[in-house]
């Protein structure tokens, strides 16, 4: 699906985009709160400063994505494949990252307050891991390794 069709359908009130393929498109600075992207293919998609609060992004492919400054408060990212993805300065407060494949991604200045990071695969392969942990808000983050 291209960006124009996606936006047309979203603006007409559609919110269930389960299993949609949105590869390599620009969806920056949009309010997509509450959207269902369960098992969506979002590879190389740019969602810079997009509001994805309360979104269901579980089981999605988020390889090579840019989510810098995105709002992912209360988002469900469980069972997602997240590789080489930029979350810098994003808000992942209370997000669910349970059983997520999370590697080679950047979370610099990312808010992980109350986020659940449980049974994450390849967490130790995050680029700049020490830097991330020093300047990322992980207060009350539920990290299970």
Foldseek 3Di string as FASTA:
>chain_A
DEPVVVVVCVVVPDQEQEQAEHEQYEQEPEENDCHEHHQYEHHNYEHELYEHDNYENDNYEAHNYEHDNYEHHQYEHDNYEHAQYEHELYECALYEHHQYAHACYDHAQYEQHNYEAHNYPPPVRHPPVVNRVVRYHCVNYHHDD
